[in-house]
Structure formats: C-alpha cells, structure tokens
C-alpha cells in the first residue's frame, strides 16, 4: 500500500471518528438532553453513524479536496489579476 493510500485510510478513519462522534453527541443532546441515558444513547447513535461517516469520507473526500483546491486557486488567481 502506498503512502498516499495509507494517508487516505488514516485520514478517513480519523475524520469519520471525529465527525460522527461530535455530530451524534450534539444531536443526541438536542433530542434527548443530558439525562441518565445520554451516554448510552450517544453510544448507540455513534455506532450507527460511524460506518456511514467512514464510507462517505472515503468516497467523497477526494472530490471535496479537489473542489476546495479549485476554489482556493481560482480566488488566488483572481486576486493576482491586473486591476484586482
């Protein structure tokens, strides 16, 4: 496995853990509040959300990174045009 492939797997793993953990906790808190079942509910929500988040990041991250690069580079090029 190349370094680029390893990076993609590690990035997807970490980003999906972060996003599914934060978002499932946030939504659980909004829906159920901080009650005695909060952590059990959050855990169930996280276990449900993480596989989907990982799959989405694996599939979509390269396209989103390319789009981000195009947006940033176009702004950079536009800012460096004469008369800008």
PDB file of N, CA and C in Angstrom:
ATOM      1  N   UNK A   1       0.852  -1.171   0.000  1.00  0.00           N
ATOM      2  CA  UNK A   1       0.000   0.000   0.000  1.00  0.00           C
ATOM      3  C   UNK A   1       0.904   1.242   0.000  1.00  0.00           C
ATOM      4  N   UNK A   2       0.612   2.165  -0.874  1.00  0.00           N
ATOM      5  CA  UNK A   2       1.429   3.373  -0.972  1.00  0.00           C
ATOM      6  C   UNK A   2       1.148   4.312   0.205  1.00  0.00           C
ATOM      7  N   UNK A   3       2.036   5.281   0.392  1.00  0.00           N
ATOM      8  CA  UNK A   3       1.826   6.270   1.446  1.00  0.00           C
ATOM      9  C   UNK A   3       0.548   7.066   1.212  1.00  0.00           C
ATOM     10  N   UNK A   4       0.244   7.364  -0.051  1.00  0.00           N
ATOM     11  CA  UNK A   4      -0.977   8.109  -0.371  1.00  0.00           C
ATOM     12  C   UNK A   4      -2.216   7.297   0.026  1.00  0.00           C
ATOM     13  N   UNK A   5      -2.199   6.009  -0.213  1.00  0.00           N
ATOM     14  CA  UNK A   5      -3.324   5.158   0.173  1.00  0.00           C
ATOM     15  C   UNK A   5      -3.442   5.051   1.686  1.00  0.00           C
ATOM     16  N   UNK A   6      -2.311   4.907   2.361  1.00  0.00           N
ATOM     17  CA  UNK A   6      -2.313   4.863   3.826  1.00  0.00           C
ATOM     18  C   UNK A   6      -2.876   6.160   4.388  1.00  0.00           C
ATOM     19  N   UNK A   7      -2.420   7.278   3.829  1.00  0.00           N
ATOM     20  CA  UNK A   7      -2.914   8.583   4.268  1.00  0.00           C
ATOM     21  C   UNK A   7      -4.426   8.666   4.110  1.00  0.00           C
ATOM     22  N   UNK A   8      -4.943   8.219   2.973  1.00  0.00           N
ATOM     23  CA  UNK A   8      -6.391   8.280   2.721  1.00  0.00           C
ATOM     24  C   UNK A   8      -7.161   7.459   3.746  1.00  0.00           C
ATOM     25  N   UNK A   9      -6.687   6.261   4.067  1.00  0.00           N
ATOM     26  CA  UNK A   9      -7.358   5.407   5.046  1.00  0.00           C
ATOM     27  C   UNK A   9      -7.306   6.016   6.444  1.00  0.00           C
ATOM     28  N   UNK A  10      -6.122   6.505   6.833  1.00  0.00           N
ATOM     29  CA  UNK A  10      -5.977   7.100   8.170  1.00  0.00           C
ATOM     30  C   UNK A  10      -6.794   8.378   8.274  1.00  0.00           C
ATOM     31  N   UNK A  11      -6.716   9.237   7.256  1.00  0.00           N
ATOM     32  CA  UNK A  11      -7.500  10.464   7.251  1.00  0.00           C
ATOM     33  C   UNK A  11      -8.990  10.152   7.360  1.00  0.00           C
ATOM     34  N   UNK A  12      -9.477   9.216   6.572  1.00  0.00           N
ATOM     35  CA  UNK A  12     -10.894   8.858   6.585  1.00  0.00           C
ATOM     36  C   UNK A  12     -11.313   8.298   7.938  1.00  0.00           C
ATOM     37  N   UNK A  13     -10.468   7.472   8.521  1.00  0.00           N
ATOM     38  CA  UNK A  13     -10.756   6.904   9.831  1.00  0.00           C
ATOM     39  C   UNK A  13     -10.874   8.004  10.884  1.00  0.00           C
ATOM     40  N   UNK A  14      -9.862   8.874  10.938  1.00  0.00           N
ATOM     41  CA  UNK A  14      -9.857   9.928  11.957  1.00  0.00           C
ATOM     42  C   UNK A  14     -10.970  10.957  11.732  1.00  0.00           C
ATOM     43  N   UNK A  15     -11.152  11.394  10.498  1.00  0.00           N
ATOM     44  CA  UNK A  15     -12.196  12.388  10.216  1.00  0.00           C
ATOM     45  C   UNK A  15     -13.578  11.824  10.504  1.00  0.00           C
ATOM     46  N   UNK A  16     -13.820  10.576  10.149  1.00  0.00           N
ATOM     47  CA  UNK A  16     -15.135   9.987  10.406  1.00  0.00           C
ATOM     48  C   UNK A  16     -15.369   9.776  11.895  1.00  0.00           C
ATOM     49  N   UNK A  17     -14.325   9.403  12.642  1.00  0.00           N
ATOM     50  CA  UNK A  17     -14.467   9.288  14.097  1.00  0.00           C
ATOM     51  C   UNK A  17     -14.830  10.637  14.711  1.00  0.00           C
ATOM     52  N   UNK A  18     -14.097  11.665  14.324  1.00  0.00           N
ATOM     53  CA  UNK A  18     -14.351  12.999  14.856  1.00  0.00           C
ATOM     54  C   UNK A  18     -15.755  13.483  14.507  1.00  0.00           C
ATOM     55  N   UNK A  19     -16.095  13.428  13.247  1.00  0.00           N
ATOM     56  CA  UNK A  19     -17.386  13.969  12.815  1.00  0.00           C
ATOM     57  C   UNK A  19     -18.562  13.164  13.364  1.00  0.00           C
ATOM     58  N   UNK A  20     -18.485  11.849  13.312  1.00  0.00           N
ATOM     59  CA  UNK A  20     -19.609  11.058  13.824  1.00  0.00           C
ATOM     60  C   UNK A  20     -19.710  11.166  15.342  1.00  0.00           C
ATOM     61  N   UNK A  21     -18.581  11.264  16.028  1.00  0.00           N
ATOM     62  CA  UNK A  21     -18.614  11.433  17.483  1.00  0.00           C
ATOM     63  C   UNK A  21     -19.224  12.757  17.897  1.00  0.00           C
ATOM     64  N   UNK A  22     -18.745  13.835  17.282  1.00  0.00           N
ATOM     65  CA  UNK A  22     -19.262  15.166  17.625  1.00  0.00           C
ATOM     66  C   UNK A  22     -20.719  15.311  17.207  1.00  0.00           C
ATOM     67  N   UNK A  23     -21.038  14.933  15.989  1.00  0.00           N
ATOM     68  CA  UNK A  23     -22.408  15.135  15.493  1.00  0.00           C
ATOM     69  C   UNK A  23     -23.413  14.237  16.203  1.00  0.00           C
ATOM     70  N   UNK A  24     -23.064  12.986  16.465  1.00  0.00           N
ATOM     71  CA  UNK A  24     -24.010  12.117  17.169  1.00  0.00           C
ATOM     72  C   UNK A  24     -24.217  12.602  18.601  1.00  0.00           C
ATOM     73  N   UNK A  25     -23.147  13.091  19.245  1.00  0.00           N
ATOM     74  CA  UNK A  25     -23.290  13.659  20.586  1.00  0.00           C
ATOM     75  C   UNK A  25     -24.150  14.905  20.585  1.00  0.00           C
ATOM     76  N   UNK A  26     -23.917  15.771  19.622  1.00  0.00           N
ATOM     77  CA  UNK A  26     -24.680  17.020  19.507  1.00  0.00           C
ATOM     78  C   UNK A  26     -26.165  16.739  19.287  1.00  0.00           C
ATOM     79  N   UNK A  27     -26.468  15.878  18.327  1.00  0.00           N
ATOM     80  CA  UNK A  27     -27.870  15.583  18.026  1.00  0.00           C
ATOM     81  C   UNK A  27     -28.529  14.845  19.181  1.00  0.00           C
ATOM     82  N   UNK A  28     -27.808  13.938  19.821  1.00  0.00           N
ATOM     83  CA  UNK A  28     -28.366  13.241  20.985  1.00  0.00           C
ATOM     84  C   UNK A  28     -28.685  14.237  22.091  1.00  0.00           C
ATOM     85  N   UNK A  29     -27.800  15.186  22.320  1.00  0.00           N
ATOM     86  CA  UNK A  29     -28.023  16.213  23.347  1.00  0.00           C
ATOM     87  C   UNK A  29     -29.234  17.081  22.999  1.00  0.00           C
ATOM     88  N   UNK A  30     -29.363  17.472  21.731  1.00  0.00           N
ATOM     89  CA  UNK A  30     -30.508  18.295  21.312  1.00  0.00           C
ATOM     90  C   UNK A  30     -31.817  17.523  21.463  1.00  0.00           C
ATOM     91  N   UNK A  31     -31.833  16.269  21.044  1.00  0.00           N
ATOM     92  CA  UNK A  31     -33.065  15.478  21.052  1.00  0.00           C
ATOM     93  C   UNK A  31     -33.435  15.001  22.449  1.00  0.00           C
ATOM     94  N   UNK A  32     -32.470  14.472  23.184  1.00  0.00           N
ATOM     95  CA  UNK A  32     -32.784  13.827  24.462  1.00  0.00           C
ATOM     96  C   UNK A  32     -32.364  14.632  25.678  1.00  0.00           C
ATOM     97  N   UNK A  33     -31.462  15.590  25.498  1.00  0.00           N
ATOM     98  CA  UNK A  33     -30.953  16.337  26.636  1.00  0.00           C
ATOM     99  C   UNK A  33     -29.929  15.524  27.414  1.00  0.00           C
ATOM    100  N   UNK A  34     -29.385  16.153  28.431  1.00  0.00           N
ATOM    101  CA  UNK A  34     -28.390  15.477  29.275  1.00  0.00           C
ATOM    102  C   UNK A  34     -29.101  14.751  30.409  1.00  0.00           C
ATOM    103  N   UNK A  35     -29.604  13.575  30.093  1.00  0.00           N
ATOM    104  CA  UNK A  35     -30.306  12.778  31.098  1.00  0.00           C
ATOM    105  C   UNK A  35     -29.472  11.550  31.466  1.00  0.00           C
ATOM    106  N   UNK A  36     -30.020  10.688  32.257  1.00  0.00           N
ATOM    107  CA  UNK A  36     -29.313   9.495  32.712  1.00  0.00           C
ATOM    108  C   UNK A  36     -28.976   8.517  31.606  1.00  0.00           C
ATOM    109  N   UNK A  37     -29.635   8.634  30.466  1.00  0.00           N
ATOM    110  CA  UNK A  37     -29.401   7.709  29.348  1.00  0.00           C
ATOM    111  C   UNK A  37     -28.574   8.349  28.235  1.00  0.00           C
ATOM    112  N   UNK A  38     -28.060   9.561  28.493  1.00  0.00           N
ATOM    113  CA  UNK A  38     -27.359  10.297  27.440  1.00  0.00           C
ATOM    114  C   UNK A  38     -26.215   9.490  26.829  1.00  0.00           C
ATOM    115  N   UNK A  39     -25.318   8.974  27.659  1.00  0.00           N
ATOM    116  CA  UNK A  39     -24.135   8.304  27.119  1.00  0.00           C
ATOM    117  C   UNK A  39     -24.482   6.996  26.405  1.00  0.00           C
ATOM    118  N   UNK A  40     -25.481   6.279  26.892  1.00  0.00           N
ATOM    119  CA  UNK A  40     -25.918   5.065  26.196  1.00  0.00           C
ATOM    120  C   UNK A  40     -26.540   5.421  24.846  1.00  0.00           C
ATOM    121  N   UNK A  41     -27.350   6.477  24.839  1.00  0.00           N
ATOM    122  CA  UNK A  41     -27.975   6.921  23.576  1.00  0.00           C
ATOM    123  C   UNK A  41     -26.919   7.423  22.602  1.00  0.00           C
ATOM    124  N   UNK A  42     -25.971   8.196  23.115  1.00  0.00           N
ATOM    125  CA  UNK A  42     -24.885   8.711  22.275  1.00  0.00           C
ATOM    126  C   UNK A  42     -24.081   7.554  21.693  1.00  0.00           C
ATOM    127  N   UNK A  43     -23.777   6.574  22.517  1.00  0.00           N
ATOM    128  CA  UNK A  43     -23.020   5.417  22.040  1.00  0.00           C
ATOM    129  C   UNK A  43     -23.724   4.679  20.918  1.00  0.00           C
ATOM    130  N   UNK A  44     -25.036   4.470  21.075  1.00  0.00           N
ATOM    131  CA  UNK A  44     -25.811   3.805  20.016  1.00  0.00           C
ATOM    132  C   UNK A  44     -25.818   4.644  18.742  1.00  0.00           C
ATOM    133  N   UNK A  45     -26.001   5.959  18.903  1.00  0.00           N
ATOM    134  CA  UNK A  45     -26.009   6.843  17.737  1.00  0.00           C
ATOM    135  C   UNK A  45     -24.649   6.836  17.044  1.00  0.00           C
ATOM    136  N   UNK A  46     -23.580   6.859  17.832  1.00  0.00           N
ATOM    137  CA  UNK A  46     -22.238   6.847  17.260  1.00  0.00           C
ATOM    138  C   UNK A  46     -21.975   5.545  16.503  1.00  0.00           C
ATOM    139  N   UNK A  47     -22.306   4.423  17.106  1.00  0.00           N
ATOM    140  CA  UNK A  47     -22.084   3.117  16.462  1.00  0.00           C
ATOM    141  C   UNK A  47     -22.867   3.017  15.152  1.00  0.00           C
ATOM    142  N   UNK A  48     -24.020   3.640  15.117  1.00  0.00           N
ATOM    143  CA  UNK A  48     -24.823   3.648  13.894  1.00  0.00           C
ATOM    144  C   UNK A  48     -24.232   4.602  12.859  1.00  0.00           C
ATOM    145  N   UNK A  49     -23.744   5.757  13.306  1.00  0.00           N
ATOM    146  CA  UNK A  49     -23.285   6.800  12.389  1.00  0.00           C
ATOM    147  C   UNK A  49     -21.882   6.552  11.838  1.00  0.00           C
ATOM    148  N   UNK A  50     -20.994   5.960  12.637  1.00  0.00           N
ATOM    149  CA  UNK A  50     -19.605   5.886  12.208  1.00  0.00           C
ATOM    150  C   UNK A  50     -19.383   5.125  10.898  1.00  0.00           C
ATOM    151  N   UNK A  51     -19.967   3.942  10.685  1.00  0.00           N
ATOM    152  CA  UNK A  51     -19.722   3.268   9.405  1.00  0.00           C
ATOM    153  C   UNK A  51     -20.169   4.099   8.195  1.00  0.00           C
ATOM    154  N   UNK A  52     -21.291   4.794   8.344  1.00  0.00           N
ATOM    155  CA  UNK A  52     -21.753   5.650   7.244  1.00  0.00           C
ATOM    156  C   UNK A  52     -20.783   6.804   7.043  1.00  0.00           C
ATOM    157  N   UNK A  53     -20.332   7.420   8.131  1.00  0.00           N
ATOM    158  CA  UNK A  53     -19.399   8.547   8.027  1.00  0.00           C
ATOM    159  C   UNK A  53     -18.090   8.102   7.370  1.00  0.00           C
ATOM    160  N   UNK A  54     -17.580   6.952   7.764  1.00  0.00           N
ATOM    161  CA  UNK A  54     -16.338   6.455   7.181  1.00  0.00           C
ATOM    162  C   UNK A  54     -16.493   6.235   5.680  1.00  0.00           C
ATOM    163  N   UNK A  55     -17.582   5.612   5.294  1.00  0.00           N
ATOM    164  CA  UNK A  55     -17.837   5.348   3.871  1.00  0.00           C
ATOM    165  C   UNK A  55     -17.963   6.654   3.090  1.00  0.00           C
ATOM    166  N   UNK A  56     -18.686   7.604   3.648  1.00  0.00           N
ATOM    167  CA  UNK A  56     -18.870   8.896   2.977  1.00  0.00           C
ATOM    168  C   UNK A  56     -17.539   9.612   2.816  1.00  0.00           C
ATOM    169  N   UNK A  57     -16.714   9.632   3.863  1.00  0.00           N
ATOM    170  CA  UNK A  57     -15.412  10.301   3.771  1.00  0.00           C
ATOM    171  C   UNK A  57     -14.532   9.587   2.749  1.00  0.00           C
ATOM    172  N   UNK A  58     -14.507   8.265   2.767  1.00  0.00           N
ATOM    173  CA  UNK A  58     -13.686   7.529   1.801  1.00  0.00           C
ATOM    174  C   UNK A  58     -14.099   7.845   0.367  1.00  0.00           C
ATOM    175  N   UNK A  59     -15.394   7.937   0.138  1.00  0.00           N
ATOM    176  CA  UNK A  59     -15.889   8.164  -1.219  1.00  0.00           C
ATOM    177  C   UNK A  59     -15.829   9.631  -1.640  1.00  0.00           C
ATOM    178  N   UNK A  60     -16.087  10.548  -0.731  1.00  0.00           N
ATOM    179  CA  UNK A  60     -16.258  11.952  -1.100  1.00  0.00           C
ATOM    180  C   UNK A  60     -15.053  12.841  -0.850  1.00  0.00           C
ATOM    181  N   UNK A  61     -14.162  12.469   0.048  1.00  0.00           N
ATOM    182  CA  UNK A  61     -13.042  13.350   0.401  1.00  0.00           C
ATOM    183  C   UNK A  61     -12.195  13.755  -0.805  1.00  0.00           C
ATOM    184  N   UNK A  62     -11.831  12.835  -1.703  1.00  0.00           N
ATOM    185  CA  UNK A  62     -11.011  13.270  -2.837  1.00  0.00           C
ATOM    186  C   UNK A  62     -11.696  14.339  -3.697  1.00  0.00           C
ATOM    187  N   UNK A  63     -12.976  14.180  -3.950  1.00  0.00           N
ATOM    188  CA  UNK A  63     -13.703  15.167  -4.750  1.00  0.00           C
ATOM    189  C   UNK A  63     -13.819  16.500  -4.022  1.00  0.00           C
ATOM    190  N   UNK A  64     -14.085  16.454  -2.725  1.00  0.00           N
ATOM    191  CA  UNK A  64     -14.195  17.684  -1.942  1.00  0.00           C
ATOM    192  C   UNK A  64     -12.838  18.384  -1.866  1.00  0.00           C
ATOM    193  N   UNK A  65     -11.763  17.621  -1.738  1.00  0.00           N
ATOM    194  CA  UNK A  65     -10.430  18.217  -1.721  1.00  0.00           C
ATOM    195  C   UNK A  65     -10.108  18.890  -3.051  1.00  0.00           C
ATOM    196  N   UNK A  66     -10.463  18.251  -4.164  1.00  0.00           N
ATOM    197  CA  UNK A  66     -10.234  18.857  -5.480  1.00  0.00           C
ATOM    198  C   UNK A  66     -11.063  20.126  -5.648  1.00  0.00           C
ATOM    199  N   UNK A  67     -12.334  20.081  -5.237  1.00  0.00           N
ATOM    200  CA  UNK A  67     -13.190  21.262  -5.324  1.00  0.00           C
ATOM    201  C   UNK A  67     -12.633  22.391  -4.468  1.00  0.00           C
ATOM    202  N   UNK A  68     -12.196  22.075  -3.264  1.00  0.00           N
ATOM    203  CA  UNK A  68     -11.614  23.084  -2.377  1.00  0.00           C
ATOM    204  C   UNK A  68     -10.375  23.713  -3.005  1.00  0.00           C
ATOM    205  N   UNK A  69      -9.560  22.878  -3.606  1.00  0.00           N
ATOM    206  CA  UNK A  69      -8.350  23.380  -4.246  1.00  0.00           C
ATOM    207  C   UNK A  69      -8.701  24.314  -5.402  1.00  0.00           C
ATOM    208  N   UNK A  70      -9.704  23.938  -6.210  1.00  0.00           N
ATOM    209  CA  UNK A  70     -10.117  24.798  -7.323  1.00  0.00           C
ATOM    210  C   UNK A  70     -10.645  26.135  -6.827  1.00  0.00           C
ATOM    211  N   UNK A  71     -11.443  26.112  -5.764  1.00  0.00           N
ATOM    212  CA  UNK A  71     -11.995  27.355  -5.229  1.00  0.00           C
ATOM    213  C   UNK A  71     -10.871  28.257  -4.726  1.00  0.00           C
ATOM    214  N   UNK A  72      -9.963  27.696  -3.959  1.00  0.00           N
ATOM    215  CA  UNK A  72      -8.865  28.488  -3.404  1.00  0.00           C
ATOM    216  C   UNK A  72      -7.955  28.997  -4.514  1.00  0.00           C
ATOM    217  N   UNK A  73      -7.614  28.144  -5.463  1.00  0.00           N
ATOM    218  CA  UNK A  73      -6.721  28.561  -6.543  1.00  0.00           C
ATOM    219  C   UNK A  73      -7.374  29.603  -7.430  1.00  0.00           C
ATOM    220  N   UNK A  74      -8.674  29.479  -7.713  1.00  0.00           N
ATOM    221  CA  UNK A  74      -9.365  30.480  -8.526  1.00  0.00           C
ATOM    222  C   UNK A  74      -9.389  31.820  -7.813  1.00  0.00           C
ATOM    223  N   UNK A  75      -9.610  31.822  -6.508  1.00  0.00           N
ATOM    224  CA  UNK A  75      -9.587  33.076  -5.752  1.00  0.00           C
ATOM    225  C   UNK A  75      -8.190  33.676  -5.776  1.00  0.00           C
ATOM    226  N   UNK A  76      -7.190  32.818  -5.637  1.00  0.00           N
ATOM    227  CA  UNK A  76      -5.806  33.286  -5.652  1.00  0.00           C
ATOM    228  C   UNK A  76      -5.471  33.889  -7.020  1.00  0.00           C
ATOM    229  N   UNK A  77      -5.873  33.205  -8.081  1.00  0.00           N
ATOM    230  CA  UNK A  77      -5.595  33.710  -9.429  1.00  0.00           C
ATOM    231  C   UNK A  77      -6.349  35.009  -9.694  1.00  0.00           C
ATOM    232  N   UNK A  78      -7.603  35.081  -9.254  1.00  0.00           N
ATOM    233  CA  UNK A  78      -8.403  36.287  -9.468  1.00  0.00           C
ATOM    234  C   UNK A  78      -7.819  37.472  -8.703  1.00  0.00           C
ATOM    235  N   UNK A  79      -7.308  37.215  -7.510  1.00  0.00           N
ATOM    236  CA  UNK A  79      -6.730  38.286  -6.701  1.00  0.00           C
ATOM    237  C   UNK A  79      -5.435  38.818  -7.313  1.00  0.00           C
ATOM    238  N   UNK A  80      -4.761  38.001  -8.085  1.00  0.00           N
ATOM    239  CA  UNK A  80      -3.495  38.409  -8.691  1.00  0.00           C
ATOM    240  C   UNK A  80      -3.638  38.948 -10.098  1.00  0.00           C
ATOM    241  N   UNK A  81      -4.882  39.092 -10.575  1.00  0.00           N
ATOM    242  CA  UNK A  81      -5.119  39.656 -11.906  1.00  0.00           C
ATOM    243  C   UNK A  81      -4.909  41.155 -11.879  1.00  0.00           C
ATOM    244  N   UNK A  82      -4.415  41.723 -12.955  1.00  0.00           N
ATOM    245  CA  UNK A  82      -4.273  43.170 -13.007  1.00  0.00           C
ATOM    246  C   UNK A  82      -5.630  43.852 -12.825  1.00  0.00           C
ATOM    247  N   UNK A  83      -5.662  44.885 -12.040  1.00  0.00           N
ATOM    248  CA  UNK A  83      -6.890  45.620 -11.785  1.00  0.00           C
ATOM    249  C   UNK A  83      -7.706  45.046 -10.664  1.00  0.00           C
ATOM    250  N   UNK A  84      -7.227  43.972 -10.037  1.00  0.00           N
ATOM    251  CA  UNK A  84      -7.987  43.367  -8.930  1.00  0.00           C
ATOM    252  C   UNK A  84      -7.697  44.056  -7.621  1.00  0.00           C
TER     253      UNK A  84
END
